[in-house]
Full PDB file with SEQRES, HELIX, SHEET, SSBOND, CRYST1, ORIGX, SCALE, CONECT and MASTER records, all heavy atoms in Angstrom:
SEQRES   1 A   29  VAL MET ALA ALA ILE GLU ALA GLY GLU LEU VAL VAL ASP          
SEQRES   2 A   29  GLY ARG ASP GLU LYS GLY ALA MET ILE ILE ARG ASN ALA          
SEQRES   3 A   29  GLU GLY ARG                                                  
HELIX    1 AA1 MET A    2  GLU A    6  1                                   5    
SHEET    1 AA1 2 LEU A  10  ARG A  15  0                                        
SHEET    2 AA1 2 MET A  21  ASN A  25 -1                                        
CRYST1    1.000    1.000    1.000  90.00  90.00  90.00 P 1           1          
ORIGX1      1.000000  0.000000  0.000000        0.00000                         
ORIGX2      0.000000  1.000000  0.000000        0.00000                         
ORIGX3      0.000000  0.000000  1.000000        0.00000                         
SCALE1      1.000000  0.000000  0.000000        0.00000                         
SCALE2      0.000000  1.000000  0.000000        0.00000                         
SCALE3      0.000000  0.000000  1.000000        0.00000                         
ATOM      1  N   VAL A   1      97.938  92.778  96.447  1.00  0.00           N  
ATOM      2  CA  VAL A   1      98.854  93.612  97.193  1.00  0.00           C  
ATOM      3  C   VAL A   1     100.159  93.789  96.448  1.00  0.00           C  
ATOM      4  O   VAL A   1     100.771  94.850  96.348  1.00  0.00           O  
ATOM      5  CB  VAL A   1      99.113  93.030  98.597  1.00  0.00           C  
ATOM      6  CG1 VAL A   1     100.188  93.816  99.326  1.00  0.00           C  
ATOM      7  CG2 VAL A   1      97.809  93.049  99.415  1.00  0.00           C  
ATOM      8  N   MET A   2     100.642  92.656  95.833  1.00  0.00           N  
ATOM      9  CA  MET A   2     101.897  92.775  95.078  1.00  0.00           C  
ATOM     10  C   MET A   2     101.734  93.668  93.893  1.00  0.00           C  
ATOM     11  O   MET A   2     102.677  94.405  93.530  1.00  0.00           O  
ATOM     12  CB  MET A   2     102.304  91.337  94.613  1.00  0.00           C  
ATOM     13  CG  MET A   2     102.630  90.378  95.757  1.00  0.00           C  
ATOM     14  SD  MET A   2     103.869  90.967  96.892  1.00  0.00           S  
ATOM     15  CE  MET A   2     105.344  90.988  95.836  1.00  0.00           C  
ATOM     16  N   ALA A   3     100.550  93.647  93.257  1.00  0.00           N  
ATOM     17  CA  ALA A   3     100.299  94.567  92.140  1.00  0.00           C  
ATOM     18  C   ALA A   3     100.298  95.989  92.616  1.00  0.00           C  
ATOM     19  O   ALA A   3     100.806  96.916  91.929  1.00  0.00           O  
ATOM     20  CB  ALA A   3      98.967  94.244  91.473  1.00  0.00           C  
ATOM     21  N   ALA A   4      99.755  96.234  93.842  1.00  0.00           N  
ATOM     22  CA  ALA A   4      99.745  97.608  94.392  1.00  0.00           C  
ATOM     23  C   ALA A   4     101.161  98.072  94.709  1.00  0.00           C  
ATOM     24  O   ALA A   4     101.492  99.271  94.583  1.00  0.00           O  
ATOM     25  CB  ALA A   4      98.862  97.634  95.623  1.00  0.00           C  
ATOM     26  N   ILE A   5     102.012  97.120  95.177  1.00  0.00           N  
ATOM     27  CA  ILE A   5     103.416  97.492  95.432  1.00  0.00           C  
ATOM     28  C   ILE A   5     104.128  97.832  94.118  1.00  0.00           C  
ATOM     29  O   ILE A   5     104.854  98.829  94.030  1.00  0.00           O  
ATOM     30  CB  ILE A   5     104.118  96.295  96.124  1.00  0.00           C  
ATOM     31  CG1 ILE A   5     103.547  96.133  97.539  1.00  0.00           C  
ATOM     32  CG2 ILE A   5     105.609  96.538  96.169  1.00  0.00           C  
ATOM     33  CD1 ILE A   5     104.046  94.849  98.255  1.00  0.00           C  
ATOM     34  N   GLU A   6     103.867  97.021  93.121  1.00  0.00           N  
ATOM     35  CA  GLU A   6     104.508  97.296  91.785  1.00  0.00           C  
ATOM     36  C   GLU A   6     104.004  98.596  91.208  1.00  0.00           C  
ATOM     37  O   GLU A   6     104.782  99.303  90.558  1.00  0.00           O  
ATOM     38  CB  GLU A   6     104.169  96.144  90.875  1.00  0.00           C  
ATOM     39  CG  GLU A   6     104.877  96.214  89.509  1.00  0.00           C  
ATOM     40  CD  GLU A   6     104.630  95.048  88.622  1.00  0.00           C  
ATOM     41  OE1 GLU A   6     104.050  94.028  89.102  1.00  0.00           O  
ATOM     42  OE2 GLU A   6     104.953  95.088  87.439  1.00  0.00           O  
ATOM     43  N   ALA A   7     102.749  98.948  91.489  1.00  0.00           N  
ATOM     44  CA  ALA A   7     102.184 100.192  90.972  1.00  0.00           C  
ATOM     45  C   ALA A   7     102.616 101.424  91.796  1.00  0.00           C  
ATOM     46  O   ALA A   7     102.273 102.544  91.411  1.00  0.00           O  
ATOM     47  CB  ALA A   7     100.681 100.124  90.903  1.00  0.00           C  
ATOM     48  N   GLY A   8     103.289 101.189  92.891  1.00  0.00           N  
ATOM     49  CA  GLY A   8     103.696 102.309  93.722  1.00  0.00           C  
ATOM     50  C   GLY A   8     102.658 102.812  94.707  1.00  0.00           C  
ATOM     51  O   GLY A   8     102.847 103.849  95.334  1.00  0.00           O  
ATOM     52  N   GLU A   9     101.575 102.075  94.807  1.00  0.00           N  
ATOM     53  CA  GLU A   9     100.507 102.466  95.762  1.00  0.00           C  
ATOM     54  C   GLU A   9     100.850 102.057  97.171  1.00  0.00           C  
ATOM     55  O   GLU A   9     100.419 102.699  98.145  1.00  0.00           O  
ATOM     56  CB  GLU A   9      99.185 101.825  95.375  1.00  0.00           C  
ATOM     57  CG  GLU A   9      98.691 102.236  93.973  1.00  0.00           C  
ATOM     58  CD  GLU A   9      97.546 101.388  93.451  1.00  0.00           C  
ATOM     59  OE1 GLU A   9      97.166 100.415  94.151  1.00  0.00           O  
ATOM     60  OE2 GLU A   9      97.096 101.621  92.353  1.00  0.00           O  
ATOM     61  N   LEU A  10     101.631 100.970  97.328  1.00  0.00           N  
ATOM     62  CA  LEU A  10     102.143 100.521  98.591  1.00  0.00           C  
ATOM     63  C   LEU A  10     103.693 100.495  98.551  1.00  0.00           C  
ATOM     64  O   LEU A  10     104.266 100.350  97.481  1.00  0.00           O  
ATOM     65  CB  LEU A  10     101.629  99.149  98.941  1.00  0.00           C  
ATOM     66  CG  LEU A  10     100.110  99.004  99.149  1.00  0.00           C  
ATOM     67  CD1 LEU A  10      99.731  97.524  99.302  1.00  0.00           C  
ATOM     68  CD2 LEU A  10      99.651  99.806 100.356  1.00  0.00           C  
ATOM     69  N   VAL A  11     104.303 100.677  99.698  1.00  0.00           N  
ATOM     70  CA  VAL A  11     105.794 100.712  99.789  1.00  0.00           C  
ATOM     71  C   VAL A  11     106.235  99.628 100.773  1.00  0.00           C  
ATOM     72  O   VAL A  11     105.621  99.449 101.848  1.00  0.00           O  
ATOM     73  CB  VAL A  11     106.253 102.092 100.266  1.00  0.00           C  
ATOM     74  CG1 VAL A  11     107.772 102.096 100.458  1.00  0.00           C  
ATOM     75  CG2 VAL A  11     105.872 103.162  99.247  1.00  0.00           C  
ATOM     76  N   VAL A  12     107.329  98.950 100.467  1.00  0.00           N  
ATOM     77  CA  VAL A  12     107.924  97.963 101.337  1.00  0.00           C  
ATOM     78  C   VAL A  12     109.166  98.571 102.027  1.00  0.00           C  
ATOM     79  O   VAL A  12     110.111  98.948 101.330  1.00  0.00           O  
ATOM     80  CB  VAL A  12     108.321  96.678 100.573  1.00  0.00           C  
ATOM     81  CG1 VAL A  12     108.949  95.664 101.534  1.00  0.00           C  
ATOM     82  CG2 VAL A  12     107.076  96.057  99.926  1.00  0.00           C  
ATOM     83  N   ASP A  13     109.105  98.650 103.346  1.00  0.00           N  
ATOM     84  CA  ASP A  13     110.218  99.208 104.108  1.00  0.00           C  
ATOM     85  C   ASP A  13     111.015  98.089 104.795  1.00  0.00           C  
ATOM     86  O   ASP A  13     111.132  98.022 106.019  1.00  0.00           O  
ATOM     87  CB  ASP A  13     109.734 100.183 105.181  1.00  0.00           C  
ATOM     88  CG  ASP A  13     109.160 101.451 104.566  1.00  0.00           C  
ATOM     89  OD1 ASP A  13     109.661 101.867 103.486  1.00  0.00           O  
ATOM     90  OD2 ASP A  13     108.250 102.066 105.158  1.00  0.00           O  
ATOM     91  N   GLY A  14     111.477  97.154 104.011  1.00  0.00           N  
ATOM     92  CA  GLY A  14     112.283  96.044 104.560  1.00  0.00           C  
ATOM     93  C   GLY A  14     111.412  94.954 105.193  1.00  0.00           C  
ATOM     94  O   GLY A  14     110.268  94.759 104.817  1.00  0.00           O  
ATOM     95  N   ARG A  15     112.002  94.233 106.168  1.00  0.00           N  
ATOM     96  CA  ARG A  15     111.296  93.137 106.817  1.00  0.00           C  
ATOM     97  C   ARG A  15     111.356  93.293 108.345  1.00  0.00           C  
ATOM     98  O   ARG A  15     112.298  93.925 108.893  1.00  0.00           O  
ATOM     99  CB  ARG A  15     111.922  91.802 106.448  1.00  0.00           C  
ATOM    100  CG  ARG A  15     111.891  91.524 104.918  1.00  0.00           C  
ATOM    101  CD  ARG A  15     111.917  90.058 104.663  1.00  0.00           C  
ATOM    102  NE  ARG A  15     111.975  89.741 103.258  1.00  0.00           N  
ATOM    103  CZ  ARG A  15     111.934  88.533 102.757  1.00  0.00           C  
ATOM    104  NH1 ARG A  15     111.864  87.461 103.627  1.00  0.00           N  
ATOM    105  NH2 ARG A  15     112.001  88.305 101.495  1.00  0.00           N  
ATOM    106  N   ASP A  16     110.378  92.706 108.989  1.00  0.00           N  
ATOM    107  CA  ASP A  16     110.337  92.774 110.466  1.00  0.00           C  
ATOM    108  C   ASP A  16     111.220  91.654 111.016  1.00  0.00           C  
ATOM    109  O   ASP A  16     111.873  90.880 110.274  1.00  0.00           O  
ATOM    110  CB  ASP A  16     108.934  92.721 110.997  1.00  0.00           C  
ATOM    111  CG  ASP A  16     108.233  91.372 110.718  1.00  0.00           C  
ATOM    112  OD1 ASP A  16     108.898  90.376 110.388  1.00  0.00           O  
ATOM    113  OD2 ASP A  16     106.962  91.342 110.782  1.00  0.00           O  
ATOM    114  N   GLU A  17     111.295  91.565 112.370  1.00  0.00           N  
ATOM    115  CA  GLU A  17     112.192  90.634 113.015  1.00  0.00           C  
ATOM    116  C   GLU A  17     111.831  89.173 112.769  1.00  0.00           C  
ATOM    117  O   GLU A  17     112.638  88.274 112.979  1.00  0.00           O  
ATOM    118  CB  GLU A  17     112.184  90.890 114.534  1.00  0.00           C  
ATOM    119  CG  GLU A  17     110.906  90.557 115.292  1.00  0.00           C  
ATOM    120  CD  GLU A  17     109.825  91.604 115.154  1.00  0.00           C  
ATOM    121  OE1 GLU A  17     110.068  92.589 114.440  1.00  0.00           O  
ATOM    122  OE2 GLU A  17     108.747  91.431 115.757  1.00  0.00           O  
ATOM    123  N   LYS A  18     110.616  88.916 112.226  1.00  0.00           N  
ATOM    124  CA  LYS A  18     110.220  87.526 111.951  1.00  0.00           C  
ATOM    125  C   LYS A  18     110.180  87.246 110.469  1.00  0.00           C  
ATOM    126  O   LYS A  18     109.706  86.208 110.024  1.00  0.00           O  
ATOM    127  CB  LYS A  18     108.835  87.278 112.560  1.00  0.00           C  
ATOM    128  CG  LYS A  18     108.855  87.360 114.112  1.00  0.00           C  
ATOM    129  CD  LYS A  18     107.507  87.082 114.695  1.00  0.00           C  
ATOM    130  CE  LYS A  18     107.591  87.208 116.239  1.00  0.00           C  
ATOM    131  NZ  LYS A  18     106.265  86.965 116.882  1.00  0.00           N  
ATOM    132  N   GLY A  19     110.716  88.187 109.685  1.00  0.00           N  
ATOM    133  CA  GLY A  19     110.922  87.923 108.267  1.00  0.00           C  
ATOM    134  C   GLY A  19     109.812  88.436 107.344  1.00  0.00           C  
ATOM    135  O   GLY A  19     109.893  88.263 106.108  1.00  0.00           O  
ATOM    136  N   ALA A  20     108.722  88.996 107.878  1.00  0.00           N  
ATOM    137  CA  ALA A  20     107.615  89.488 107.061  1.00  0.00           C  
ATOM    138  C   ALA A  20     107.916  90.858 106.524  1.00  0.00           C  
ATOM    139  O   ALA A  20     108.585  91.700 107.173  1.00  0.00           O  
ATOM    140  CB  ALA A  20     106.341  89.476 107.850  1.00  0.00           C  
ATOM    141  N   MET A  21     107.421  91.130 105.308  1.00  0.00           N  
ATOM    142  CA  MET A  21     107.603  92.460 104.738  1.00  0.00           C  
ATOM    143  C   MET A  21     106.907  93.542 105.594  1.00  0.00           C  
ATOM    144  O   MET A  21     105.829  93.279 106.166  1.00  0.00           O  
ATOM    145  CB  MET A  21     106.992  92.508 103.296  1.00  0.00           C  
ATOM    146  CG  MET A  21     107.759  91.667 102.290  1.00  0.00           C  
ATOM    147  SD  MET A  21     107.196  91.949 100.581  1.00  0.00           S  
ATOM    148  CE  MET A  21     105.511  91.304 100.634  1.00  0.00           C  
ATOM    149  N   ILE A  22     107.544  94.676 105.697  1.00  0.00           N  
ATOM    150  CA  ILE A  22     106.924  95.827 106.372  1.00  0.00           C  
ATOM    151  C   ILE A  22     106.273  96.712 105.264  1.00  0.00           C  
ATOM    152  O   ILE A  22     106.988  97.263 104.427  1.00  0.00           O  
ATOM    153  CB  ILE A  22     107.946  96.619 107.147  1.00  0.00           C  
ATOM    154  CG1 ILE A  22     108.642  95.755 108.240  1.00  0.00           C  
ATOM    155  CG2 ILE A  22     107.306  97.846 107.796  1.00  0.00           C  
ATOM    156  CD1 ILE A  22     109.773  96.380 108.938  1.00  0.00           C  
ATOM    157  N   ILE A  23     104.978  96.774 105.235  1.00  0.00           N  
ATOM    158  CA  ILE A  23     104.233  97.377 104.156  1.00  0.00           C  
ATOM    159  C   ILE A  23     103.443  98.618 104.670  1.00  0.00           C  
ATOM    160  O   ILE A  23     102.806  98.547 105.723  1.00  0.00           O  
ATOM    161  CB  ILE A  23     103.290  96.401 103.481  1.00  0.00           C  
ATOM    162  CG1 ILE A  23     104.075  95.147 102.989  1.00  0.00           C  
ATOM    163  CG2 ILE A  23     102.580  97.038 102.296  1.00  0.00           C  
ATOM    164  CD1 ILE A  23     103.190  94.091 102.445  1.00  0.00           C  
ATOM    165  N   ARG A  24     103.484  99.672 103.936  1.00  0.00           N  
ATOM    166  CA  ARG A  24     102.697 100.875 104.295  1.00  0.00           C  
ATOM    167  C   ARG A  24     102.183 101.517 103.021  1.00  0.00           C  
ATOM    168  O   ARG A  24     102.632 101.214 101.894  1.00  0.00           O  
ATOM    169  CB  ARG A  24     103.540 101.873 105.059  1.00  0.00           C  
ATOM    170  CG  ARG A  24     104.731 102.423 104.273  1.00  0.00           C  
ATOM    171  CD  ARG A  24     105.462 103.499 105.025  1.00  0.00           C  
ATOM    172  NE  ARG A  24     106.665 103.926 104.351  1.00  0.00           N  
ATOM    173  CZ  ARG A  24     106.706 104.819 103.331  1.00  0.00           C  
ATOM    174  NH1 ARG A  24     105.573 105.401 102.937  1.00  0.00           N  
ATOM    175  NH2 ARG A  24     107.863 105.151 102.777  1.00  0.00           N  
ATOM    176  N   ASN A  25     101.236 102.413 103.179  1.00  0.00           N  
ATOM    177  CA  ASN A  25     100.719 103.176 102.009  1.00  0.00           C  
ATOM    178  C   ASN A  25     101.756 104.158 101.510  1.00  0.00           C  
ATOM    179  O   ASN A  25     102.477 104.780 102.328  1.00  0.00           O  
ATOM    180  CB  ASN A  25      99.451 103.983 102.423  1.00  0.00           C  
ATOM    181  CG  ASN A  25      98.262 103.086 102.754  1.00  0.00           C  
ATOM    182  OD1 ASN A  25      97.985 102.156 102.004  1.00  0.00           O  
ATOM    183  ND2 ASN A  25      97.595 103.376 103.836  1.00  0.00           N  
ATOM    184  N   ALA A  26     101.863 104.287 100.212  1.00  0.00           N  
ATOM    185  CA  ALA A  26     102.762 105.305  99.663  1.00  0.00           C  
ATOM    186  C   ALA A  26     102.193 106.670  99.956  1.00  0.00           C  
ATOM    187  O   ALA A  26     100.994 106.894 100.045  1.00  0.00           O  
ATOM    188  CB  ALA A  26     102.860 105.090  98.147  1.00  0.00           C  
ATOM    189  N   GLU A  27     103.107 107.603 100.149  1.00  0.00           N  
ATOM    190  CA  GLU A  27     102.726 108.949 100.522  1.00  0.00           C  
ATOM    191  C   GLU A  27     101.834 109.574  99.470  1.00  0.00           C  
ATOM    192  O   GLU A  27     102.184 109.621  98.291  1.00  0.00           O  
ATOM    193  CB  GLU A  27     103.967 109.817 100.728  1.00  0.00           C  
ATOM    194  CG  GLU A  27     103.712 111.142 101.368  1.00  0.00           C  
ATOM    195  CD  GLU A  27     103.319 110.988 102.870  1.00  0.00           C  
ATOM    196  OE1 GLU A  27     103.795 110.013 103.488  1.00  0.00           O  
ATOM    197  OE2 GLU A  27     102.579 111.838 103.369  1.00  0.00           O  
ATOM    198  N   GLY A  28     100.671 110.064  99.853  1.00  0.00           N  
ATOM    199  CA  GLY A  28      99.754 110.722  98.927  1.00  0.00           C  
ATOM    200  C   GLY A  28      99.083 109.816  97.962  1.00  0.00           C  
ATOM    201  O   GLY A  28      98.418 110.298  97.010  1.00  0.00           O  
ATOM    202  N   ARG A  29      99.118 108.495  98.156  1.00  0.00           N  
ATOM    203  CA  ARG A  29      98.507 107.547  97.246  1.00  0.00           C  
ATOM    204  C   ARG A  29      97.417 106.762  97.953  1.00  0.00           C  
ATOM    205  O   ARG A  29      97.451 106.549  99.135  1.00  0.00           O  
ATOM    206  CB  ARG A  29      99.534 106.556  96.658  1.00  0.00           C  
ATOM    207  CG  ARG A  29     100.654 107.176  95.882  1.00  0.00           C  
ATOM    208  CD  ARG A  29     100.209 107.630  94.527  1.00  0.00           C  
ATOM    209  NE  ARG A  29      99.739 106.498  93.700  1.00  0.00           N  
ATOM    210  CZ  ARG A  29     100.536 105.784  92.925  1.00  0.00           C  
ATOM    211  NH1 ARG A  29     101.853 105.992  92.897  1.00  0.00           N  
ATOM    212  NH2 ARG A  29     100.031 104.783  92.167  1.00  0.00           N  
TER     213      ARG A  29                                                      
MASTER        0    0    0    1    2    0    0    6  212    1    0    3          
END                                                                             
């Protein structure tokens, strides 16, 4: 997953209220 984030396939939109990363698919990827 970290490799996918680095490759731009996934995007991190900050953290949730319990400290976990908020992760979603990159647009069009």
